[in-house]
Amino acid sequence: MELTDFKVRFEEALARNESMVFFCNCEIRYSGRAEAFLARGDRMIIVKSDNTVLVHQPEGGNPINYMKPNSKIDLEHLEQHFVLRVRNLDYKDYLDIEIFRVYNFMNHKLEDGIKQELAGSEKDMSDMIKAKPELISPDFKPLSREEHTKFGFIDVFGHDKKGNLVVVECKRYSASLQCVTQLRRYVEKIKELKGTDKVKGILASPKISPNAKEMLEKWKFKWVRVHPPKRLERYTKDQKSLYEW
């Protein structure tokens, strides 16, 4: 399409807070978190209604350049082409896209206030454990979820039949050394708050790294294999939902 037609459509869509996608041949200069230059090539530019700007190359999932929401956007006419100037003064980010040719342009007012539903989170895991405590041990009795401490929130807090307090830390992926250290901080804080040394620490996760397991055993904590509930999993139809436990 003609660059003059592109300018008119772009500025009209920008004034209406519409989302835009266009395919163009461009050259890019960025200054901010780093300095970057991208020579001429074909790219896809996305401008969202909140003035977020994304630059995609023909392959890959991540943008090669992006500007955060509430950026200031101007389209300037140079001698033989246009330059899209994007500024975000809050973050001191500057992006100049010199546009030599526009292949296609689309714009539309999009309405979408729906939040994505996430399944299999650590919150789902702790809800499942509180509803079915035998996943941790036959004698585990949960008292609360997200018990507050100075270092954060304990996922599940309870006790066993021997009178030990039990701190359960949930991880939806493989538990690492950092997870063990986090569990230890929670255990030490509960000992201090409750005035007792009878506090057990348990890591609940699908997997654990060898060095994390070694450190866990050194501090006399325990690991229990627990998989997060995947109620949205399309390929595991027999997987129980959170509400079936």
C-alpha atoms as a PDB file:
ATOM      1  CA  MET A   1       0.000   0.000   0.000  1.00  0.00           C
ATOM      2  CA  GLU A   2       1.063   3.624  -0.475  1.00  0.00           C
ATOM      3  CA  LEU A   3       2.889   5.117   2.500  1.00  0.00           C
ATOM      4  CA  THR A   4       0.603   8.162   2.481  1.00  0.00           C
ATOM      5  CA  ASP A   5      -2.458   5.882   2.776  1.00  0.00           C
ATOM      6  CA  PHE A   6      -0.744   4.005   5.592  1.00  0.00           C
ATOM      7  CA  LYS A   7      -0.097   7.269   7.469  1.00  0.00           C
ATOM      8  CA  VAL A   8      -3.759   8.292   7.271  1.00  0.00           C
ATOM      9  CA  ARG A   9      -5.062   4.905   8.444  1.00  0.00           C
ATOM     10  CA  PHE A  10      -2.440   4.611  11.183  1.00  0.00           C
ATOM     11  CA  GLU A  11      -3.156   8.034  12.682  1.00  0.00           C
ATOM     12  CA  GLU A  12      -6.934   7.513  12.517  1.00  0.00           C
ATOM     13  CA  ALA A  13      -6.634   4.135  14.304  1.00  0.00           C
ATOM     14  CA  LEU A  14      -4.265   5.622  16.887  1.00  0.00           C
ATOM     15  CA  ALA A  15      -6.731   8.444  17.628  1.00  0.00           C
ATOM     16  CA  ARG A  16      -9.520   5.853  18.166  1.00  0.00           C
ATOM     17  CA  ASN A  17      -7.340   3.712  20.501  1.00  0.00           C
ATOM     18  CA  GLU A  18      -7.640   0.766  18.144  1.00  0.00           C
ATOM     19  CA  SER A  19      -5.229  -2.155  17.977  1.00  0.00           C
ATOM     20  CA  MET A  20      -3.124  -2.334  14.805  1.00  0.00           C
ATOM     21  CA  VAL A  21      -1.064  -4.941  12.996  1.00  0.00           C
ATOM     22  CA  PHE A  22       0.971  -4.140   9.910  1.00  0.00           C
ATOM     23  CA  PHE A  23       3.629  -5.865   7.841  1.00  0.00           C
ATOM     24  CA  CYS A  24       6.452  -3.679   6.627  1.00  0.00           C
ATOM     25  CA  ASN A  25      10.043  -3.351   5.502  1.00  0.00           C
ATOM     26  CA  CYS A  26      11.842  -1.358   8.172  1.00  0.00           C
ATOM     27  CA  GLU A  27      15.037  -0.473  10.015  1.00  0.00           C
ATOM     28  CA  ILE A  28      15.055  -0.198  13.810  1.00  0.00           C
ATOM     29  CA  ARG A  29      17.064   1.706  16.408  1.00  0.00           C
ATOM     30  CA  TYR A  30      16.478   1.254  20.125  1.00  0.00           C
ATOM     31  CA  SER A  31      17.937   3.045  23.139  1.00  0.00           C
ATOM     32  CA  GLY A  32      17.091   2.385  26.785  1.00  0.00           C
ATOM     33  CA  ARG A  33      17.867  -0.785  28.726  1.00  0.00           C
ATOM     34  CA  ALA A  34      20.582  -1.300  26.102  1.00  0.00           C
ATOM     35  CA  GLU A  35      21.480   0.014  22.648  1.00  0.00           C
ATOM     36  CA  ALA A  36      20.357  -1.964  19.605  1.00  0.00           C
ATOM     37  CA  PHE A  37      20.247  -1.638  15.821  1.00  0.00           C
ATOM     38  CA  LEU A  38      18.390  -3.891  13.379  1.00  0.00           C
ATOM     39  CA  ALA A  39      19.101  -3.371   9.659  1.00  0.00           C
ATOM     40  CA  ARG A  40      16.381  -3.341   7.015  1.00  0.00           C
ATOM     41  CA  GLY A  41      14.154  -6.386   6.824  1.00  0.00           C
ATOM     42  CA  ASP A  42      10.519  -7.511   6.781  1.00  0.00           C
ATOM     43  CA  ARG A  43       8.769  -7.401  10.154  1.00  0.00           C
ATOM     44  CA  MET A  44       5.352  -7.475  11.767  1.00  0.00           C
ATOM     45  CA  ILE A  45       4.551  -4.486  13.983  1.00  0.00           C
ATOM     46  CA  ILE A  46       1.802  -4.661  16.611  1.00  0.00           C
ATOM     47  CA  VAL A  47       0.464  -1.518  18.283  1.00  0.00           C
ATOM     48  CA  LYS A  48      -2.056  -2.218  21.060  1.00  0.00           C
ATOM     49  CA  SER A  49      -4.775   0.091  22.338  1.00  0.00           C
ATOM     50  CA  ASP A  50      -2.726   0.943  25.450  1.00  0.00           C
ATOM     51  CA  ASN A  51       0.208   2.002  23.213  1.00  0.00           C
ATOM     52  CA  THR A  52       2.217  -1.149  23.806  1.00  0.00           C
ATOM     53  CA  VAL A  53       4.407  -1.722  20.724  1.00  0.00           C
ATOM     54  CA  LEU A  54       5.829  -5.093  19.634  1.00  0.00           C
ATOM     55  CA  VAL A  55       8.173  -5.827  16.725  1.00  0.00           C
ATOM     56  CA  HIS A  56       8.247  -9.422  15.453  1.00  0.00           C
ATOM     57  CA  GLN A  57      10.532 -11.003  12.878  1.00  0.00           C
ATOM     58  CA  PRO A  58       9.145 -13.712  10.561  1.00  0.00           C
ATOM     59  CA  GLU A  59      10.162 -16.518  12.949  1.00  0.00           C
ATOM     60  CA  GLY A  60      10.125 -17.099  16.698  1.00  0.00           C
ATOM     61  CA  GLY A  61       7.662 -16.368  19.465  1.00  0.00           C
ATOM     62  CA  ASN A  62       9.300 -13.428  21.246  1.00  0.00           C
ATOM     63  CA  PRO A  63       9.382  -9.864  19.897  1.00  0.00           C
ATOM     64  CA  ILE A  64      12.785  -8.584  18.781  1.00  0.00           C
ATOM     65  CA  ASN A  65      11.835  -5.184  20.209  1.00  0.00           C
ATOM     66  CA  TYR A  66       9.018  -3.986  22.440  1.00  0.00           C
ATOM     67  CA  MET A  67       7.853  -0.880  24.249  1.00  0.00           C
ATOM     68  CA  LYS A  68       5.771  -0.948  27.410  1.00  0.00           C
ATOM     69  CA  PRO A  69       2.202   0.406  27.770  1.00  0.00           C
ATOM     70  CA  ASN A  70       1.466   4.139  27.732  1.00  0.00           C
ATOM     71  CA  SER A  71       4.257   4.963  25.327  1.00  0.00           C
ATOM     72  CA  LYS A  72       4.036   8.129  23.225  1.00  0.00           C
ATOM     73  CA  ILE A  73       3.703   7.329  19.515  1.00  0.00           C
ATOM     74  CA  ASP A  74       4.291   9.634  16.559  1.00  0.00           C
ATOM     75  CA  LEU A  75       4.527   8.895  12.843  1.00  0.00           C
ATOM     76  CA  GLU A  76       6.794  11.384  11.039  1.00  0.00           C
ATOM     77  CA  HIS A  77       7.274  11.913   7.298  1.00  0.00           C
ATOM     78  CA  LEU A  78      10.889  11.958   6.095  1.00  0.00           C
ATOM     79  CA  GLU A  79      12.066  12.455   2.498  1.00  0.00           C
ATOM     80  CA  GLN A  80      11.368   9.008   1.025  1.00  0.00           C
ATOM     81  CA  HIS A  81       9.843   7.137   3.983  1.00  0.00           C
ATOM     82  CA  PHE A  82       8.284   7.427   7.447  1.00  0.00           C
ATOM     83  CA  VAL A  83       9.656   6.935  10.934  1.00  0.00           C
ATOM     84  CA  LEU A  84       7.529   5.624  13.780  1.00  0.00           C
ATOM     85  CA  ARG A  85       8.896   7.205  16.962  1.00  0.00           C
ATOM     86  CA  VAL A  86       7.937   5.498  20.201  1.00  0.00           C
ATOM     87  CA  ARG A  87       8.928   7.051  23.531  1.00  0.00           C
ATOM     88  CA  ASN A  88       8.381   5.875  27.095  1.00  0.00           C
ATOM     89  CA  LEU A  89       9.855   8.536  29.351  1.00  0.00           C
ATOM     90  CA  ASP A  90       8.932   6.664  32.565  1.00  0.00           C
ATOM     91  CA  TYR A  91      11.379   3.906  31.580  1.00  0.00           C
ATOM     92  CA  LYS A  92      13.675   6.104  29.440  1.00  0.00           C
ATOM     93  CA  ASP A  93      13.052   3.849  26.421  1.00  0.00           C
ATOM     94  CA  TYR A  94      13.271   5.113  22.827  1.00  0.00           C
ATOM     95  CA  LEU A  95      12.382   3.160  19.691  1.00  0.00           C
ATOM     96  CA  ASP A  96      12.656   4.488  16.130  1.00  0.00           C
ATOM     97  CA  ILE A  97      11.205   2.342  13.325  1.00  0.00           C
ATOM     98  CA  GLU A  98      12.072   3.666   9.858  1.00  0.00           C
ATOM     99  CA  ILE A  99       9.393   2.337   7.504  1.00  0.00           C
ATOM    100  CA  PHE A 100      10.277   2.028   3.819  1.00  0.00           C
ATOM    101  CA  ARG A 101       7.382  -0.092   2.591  1.00  0.00           C
ATOM    102  CA  VAL A 102       4.063  -1.319   4.024  1.00  0.00           C
ATOM    103  CA  TYR A 103       2.673  -4.600   2.660  1.00  0.00           C
ATOM    104  CA  ASN A 104      -0.565  -4.809   4.632  1.00  0.00           C
ATOM    105  CA  PHE A 105      -2.341  -2.967   7.445  1.00  0.00           C
ATOM    106  CA  MET A 106      -5.157  -4.041   9.772  1.00  0.00           C
ATOM    107  CA  ASN A 107      -6.862  -2.223  12.629  1.00  0.00           C
ATOM    108  CA  HIS A 108      -9.785  -2.986  14.912  1.00  0.00           C
ATOM    109  CA  LYS A 109     -11.292  -1.899  18.222  1.00  0.00           C
ATOM    110  CA  LEU A 110     -10.886  -4.943  20.461  1.00  0.00           C
ATOM    111  CA  GLU A 111     -12.923  -5.539  23.624  1.00  0.00           C
ATOM    112  CA  ASP A 112     -11.640  -8.160  26.067  1.00  0.00           C
ATOM    113  CA  GLY A 113     -11.957  -7.867  29.836  1.00  0.00           C
ATOM    114  CA  ILE A 114     -11.667 -11.580  30.605  1.00  0.00           C
ATOM    115  CA  LYS A 115      -8.830 -12.869  32.778  1.00  0.00           C
ATOM    116  CA  GLN A 116      -7.107 -16.106  31.817  1.00  0.00           C
ATOM    117  CA  GLU A 117      -8.028 -19.084  33.977  1.00  0.00           C
ATOM    118  CA  LEU A 118      -4.901 -20.795  35.279  1.00  0.00           C
ATOM    119  CA  ALA A 119      -5.062 -24.436  36.358  1.00  0.00           C
ATOM    120  CA  GLY A 120      -2.389 -26.427  38.143  1.00  0.00           C
ATOM    121  CA  SER A 121      -0.934 -23.482  40.071  1.00  0.00           C
ATOM    122  CA  GLU A 122       0.696 -23.758  43.492  1.00  0.00           C
ATOM    123  CA  LYS A 123      -2.510 -22.335  44.970  1.00  0.00           C
ATOM    124  CA  ASP A 124      -4.424 -25.211  43.336  1.00  0.00           C
ATOM    125  CA  MET A 125      -1.900 -27.636  44.825  1.00  0.00           C
ATOM    126  CA  SER A 126      -2.294 -26.248  48.330  1.00  0.00           C
ATOM    127  CA  ASP A 127      -6.105 -26.273  48.000  1.00  0.00           C
ATOM    128  CA  MET A 128      -5.919 -29.922  46.926  1.00  0.00           C
ATOM    129  CA  ILE A 129      -3.609 -30.863  49.830  1.00  0.00           C
ATOM    130  CA  LYS A 130      -5.855 -29.094  52.353  1.00  0.00           C
ATOM    131  CA  ALA A 131      -8.856 -31.003  50.942  1.00  0.00           C
ATOM    132  CA  LYS A 132      -6.969 -34.326  50.793  1.00  0.00           C
ATOM    133  CA  PRO A 133      -4.188 -34.181  53.451  1.00  0.00           C
ATOM    134  CA  GLU A 134      -3.319 -37.881  53.036  1.00  0.00           C
ATOM    135  CA  LEU A 135      -1.375 -36.795  49.942  1.00  0.00           C
ATOM    136  CA  ILE A 136       1.248 -35.605  52.443  1.00  0.00           C
ATOM    137  CA  SER A 137       0.890 -38.359  55.066  1.00  0.00           C
ATOM    138  CA  PRO A 138      -1.896 -40.414  56.708  1.00  0.00           C
ATOM    139  CA  ASP A 139      -1.628 -38.453  59.962  1.00  0.00           C
ATOM    140  CA  PHE A 140      -1.296 -34.934  58.534  1.00  0.00           C
ATOM    141  CA  LYS A 141      -4.006 -32.536  59.703  1.00  0.00           C
ATOM    142  CA  PRO A 142      -4.023 -29.169  57.896  1.00  0.00           C
ATOM    143  CA  LEU A 143      -4.941 -26.103  59.925  1.00  0.00           C
ATOM    144  CA  SER A 144      -4.681 -23.297  57.387  1.00  0.00           C
ATOM    145  CA  ARG A 145      -3.578 -22.213  53.932  1.00  0.00           C
ATOM    146  CA  GLU A 146      -1.208 -19.307  53.293  1.00  0.00           C
ATOM    147  CA  GLU A 147      -0.128 -18.864  56.913  1.00  0.00           C
ATOM    148  CA  HIS A 148       1.629 -15.490  57.028  1.00  0.00           C
ATOM    149  CA  THR A 149       5.235 -15.172  58.198  1.00  0.00           C
ATOM    150  CA  LYS A 150       7.865 -12.450  57.957  1.00  0.00           C
ATOM    151  CA  PHE A 151       9.305 -14.237  54.906  1.00  0.00           C
ATOM    152  CA  GLY A 152       6.032 -14.767  53.056  1.00  0.00           C
ATOM    153  CA  PHE A 153       3.062 -17.144  53.065  1.00  0.00           C
ATOM    154  CA  ILE A 154       3.278 -20.828  53.988  1.00  0.00           C
ATOM    155  CA  ASP A 155       1.262 -22.840  51.439  1.00  0.00           C
ATOM    156  CA  VAL A 156      -0.218 -25.323  53.937  1.00  0.00           C
ATOM    157  CA  PHE A 157       0.266 -25.293  57.710  1.00  0.00           C
ATOM    158  CA  GLY A 158      -0.813 -28.100  60.034  1.00  0.00           C
ATOM    159  CA  HIS A 159       0.242 -30.776  62.515  1.00  0.00           C
ATOM    160  CA  ASP A 160       0.621 -34.550  62.838  1.00  0.00           C
ATOM    161  CA  LYS A 161      -0.549 -37.046  65.469  1.00  0.00           C
ATOM    162  CA  LYS A 162       2.788 -36.785  67.325  1.00  0.00           C
ATOM    163  CA  GLY A 163       2.187 -33.106  68.025  1.00  0.00           C
ATOM    164  CA  ASN A 164       4.654 -31.780  65.457  1.00  0.00           C
ATOM    165  CA  LEU A 165       3.771 -28.636  63.575  1.00  0.00           C
ATOM    166  CA  VAL A 166       4.083 -29.190  59.808  1.00  0.00           C
ATOM    167  CA  VAL A 167       5.042 -26.641  57.157  1.00  0.00           C
ATOM    168  CA  VAL A 168       4.238 -27.693  53.585  1.00  0.00           C
ATOM    169  CA  GLU A 169       5.766 -25.755  50.676  1.00  0.00           C
ATOM    170  CA  CYS A 170       4.235 -26.499  47.243  1.00  0.00           C
ATOM    171  CA  LYS A 171       6.093 -26.257  43.927  1.00  0.00           C
ATOM    172  CA  ARG A 172       4.338 -26.995  40.646  1.00  0.00           C
ATOM    173  CA  TYR A 173       7.589 -27.945  38.856  1.00  0.00           C
ATOM    174  CA  SER A 174      10.858 -29.454  40.044  1.00  0.00           C
ATOM    175  CA  ALA A 175      11.936 -28.341  43.535  1.00  0.00           C
ATOM    176  CA  SER A 176      15.361 -26.678  43.580  1.00  0.00           C
ATOM    177  CA  LEU A 177      17.929 -25.670  46.194  1.00  0.00           C
ATOM    178  CA  GLN A 178      16.207 -22.313  46.457  1.00  0.00           C
ATOM    179  CA  CYS A 179      12.939 -24.071  47.369  1.00  0.00           C
ATOM    180  CA  VAL A 180      14.667 -25.967  50.173  1.00  0.00           C
ATOM    181  CA  THR A 181      16.177 -22.750  51.513  1.00  0.00           C
ATOM    182  CA  GLN A 182      12.759 -21.105  51.407  1.00  0.00           C
ATOM    183  CA  LEU A 183      11.229 -24.010  53.329  1.00  0.00           C
ATOM    184  CA  ARG A 184      13.965 -23.768  55.957  1.00  0.00           C
ATOM    185  CA  ARG A 185      13.266 -20.054  56.482  1.00  0.00           C
ATOM    186  CA  TYR A 186       9.584 -20.813  57.038  1.00  0.00           C
ATOM    187  CA  VAL A 187      10.360 -23.626  59.490  1.00  0.00           C
ATOM    188  CA  GLU A 188      12.772 -21.462  61.491  1.00  0.00           C
ATOM    189  CA  LYS A 189      10.243 -18.634  61.637  1.00  0.00           C
ATOM    190  CA  ILE A 190       7.466 -20.943  62.858  1.00  0.00           C
ATOM    191  CA  LYS A 191       9.819 -22.293  65.544  1.00  0.00           C
ATOM    192  CA  GLU A 192      10.427 -18.734  66.677  1.00  0.00           C
ATOM    193  CA  LEU A 193       6.769 -17.683  66.557  1.00  0.00           C
ATOM    194  CA  LYS A 194       5.384 -20.799  68.267  1.00  0.00           C
ATOM    195  CA  GLY A 195       8.256 -21.235  70.733  1.00  0.00           C
ATOM    196  CA  THR A 196       8.889 -24.894  69.879  1.00  0.00           C
ATOM    197  CA  ASP A 197      11.457 -27.016  68.026  1.00  0.00           C
ATOM    198  CA  LYS A 198       8.820 -29.572  67.050  1.00  0.00           C
ATOM    199  CA  VAL A 199       8.344 -28.252  63.514  1.00  0.00           C
ATOM    200  CA  LYS A 200       8.647 -30.434  60.408  1.00  0.00           C
ATOM    201  CA  GLY A 201       9.245 -29.189  56.887  1.00  0.00           C
ATOM    202  CA  ILE A 202       7.828 -30.893  53.782  1.00  0.00           C
ATOM    203  CA  LEU A 203       8.352 -30.035  50.109  1.00  0.00           C
ATOM    204  CA  ALA A 204       5.505 -31.127  47.830  1.00  0.00           C
ATOM    205  CA  SER A 205       6.308 -31.180  44.095  1.00  0.00           C
ATOM    206  CA  PRO A 206       6.247 -33.488  41.051  1.00  0.00           C
ATOM    207  CA  LYS A 207      10.082 -33.679  41.004  1.00  0.00           C
ATOM    208  CA  ILE A 208      13.121 -32.580  42.961  1.00  0.00           C
ATOM    209  CA  SER A 209      16.713 -32.009  41.854  1.00  0.00           C
ATOM    210  CA  PRO A 210      19.390 -34.331  43.333  1.00  0.00           C
ATOM    211  CA  ASN A 211      21.244 -31.538  45.149  1.00  0.00           C
ATOM    212  CA  ALA A 212      17.979 -30.160  46.542  1.00  0.00           C
ATOM    213  CA  LYS A 213      17.049 -33.607  47.859  1.00  0.00           C
ATOM    214  CA  GLU A 214      20.489 -33.962  49.450  1.00  0.00           C
ATOM    215  CA  MET A 215      20.145 -30.609  51.211  1.00  0.00           C
ATOM    216  CA  LEU A 216      16.577 -31.464  52.254  1.00  0.00           C
ATOM    217  CA  GLU A 217      17.760 -34.664  53.960  1.00  0.00           C
ATOM    218  CA  LYS A 218      20.678 -32.824  55.577  1.00  0.00           C
ATOM    219  CA  TRP A 219      18.244 -30.477  57.304  1.00  0.00           C
ATOM    220  CA  LYS A 220      15.973 -33.442  58.163  1.00  0.00           C
ATOM    221  CA  PHE A 221      13.107 -32.259  55.967  1.00  0.00           C
ATOM    222  CA  LYS A 222      10.995 -34.468  53.706  1.00  0.00           C
ATOM    223  CA  TRP A 223       9.977 -34.492  50.051  1.00  0.00           C
ATOM    224  CA  VAL A 224       6.583 -35.832  48.911  1.00  0.00           C
ATOM    225  CA  ARG A 225       5.753 -36.343  45.250  1.00  0.00           C
ATOM    226  CA  VAL A 226       2.557 -34.409  44.500  1.00  0.00           C
ATOM    227  CA  HIS A 227       1.392 -33.424  41.012  1.00  0.00           C
ATOM    228  CA  PRO A 228      -0.638 -30.227  40.626  1.00  0.00           C
ATOM    229  CA  PRO A 229      -4.266 -30.764  39.569  1.00  0.00           C
ATOM    230  CA  LYS A 230      -4.657 -30.186  35.836  1.00  0.00           C
ATOM    231  CA  ARG A 231      -8.372 -29.680  35.448  1.00  0.00           C
ATOM    232  CA  LEU A 232      -7.863 -27.945  32.084  1.00  0.00           C
ATOM    233  CA  GLU A 233      -5.488 -30.589  30.698  1.00  0.00           C
ATOM    234  CA  ARG A 234      -6.873 -31.551  27.278  1.00  0.00           C
ATOM    235  CA  TYR A 235      -4.941 -34.807  26.922  1.00  0.00           C
ATOM    236  CA  THR A 236      -5.416 -36.249  30.422  1.00  0.00           C
ATOM    237  CA  LYS A 237      -9.155 -36.741  30.576  1.00  0.00           C
ATOM    238  CA  ASP A 238      -8.954 -39.078  33.592  1.00  0.00           C
ATOM    239  CA  GLN A 239      -7.130 -36.474  35.713  1.00  0.00           C
ATOM    240  CA  LYS A 240      -9.237 -35.585  38.722  1.00  0.00           C
ATOM    241  CA  SER A 241     -10.262 -31.957  39.088  1.00  0.00           C
ATOM    242  CA  LEU A 242      -9.540 -29.916  42.171  1.00  0.00           C
ATOM    243  CA  TYR A 243     -13.171 -30.253  43.202  1.00  0.00           C
ATOM    244  CA  GLU A 244     -13.188 -34.072  42.964  1.00  0.00           C
ATOM    245  CA  TRP A 245     -10.580 -34.544  45.703  1.00  0.00           C
END
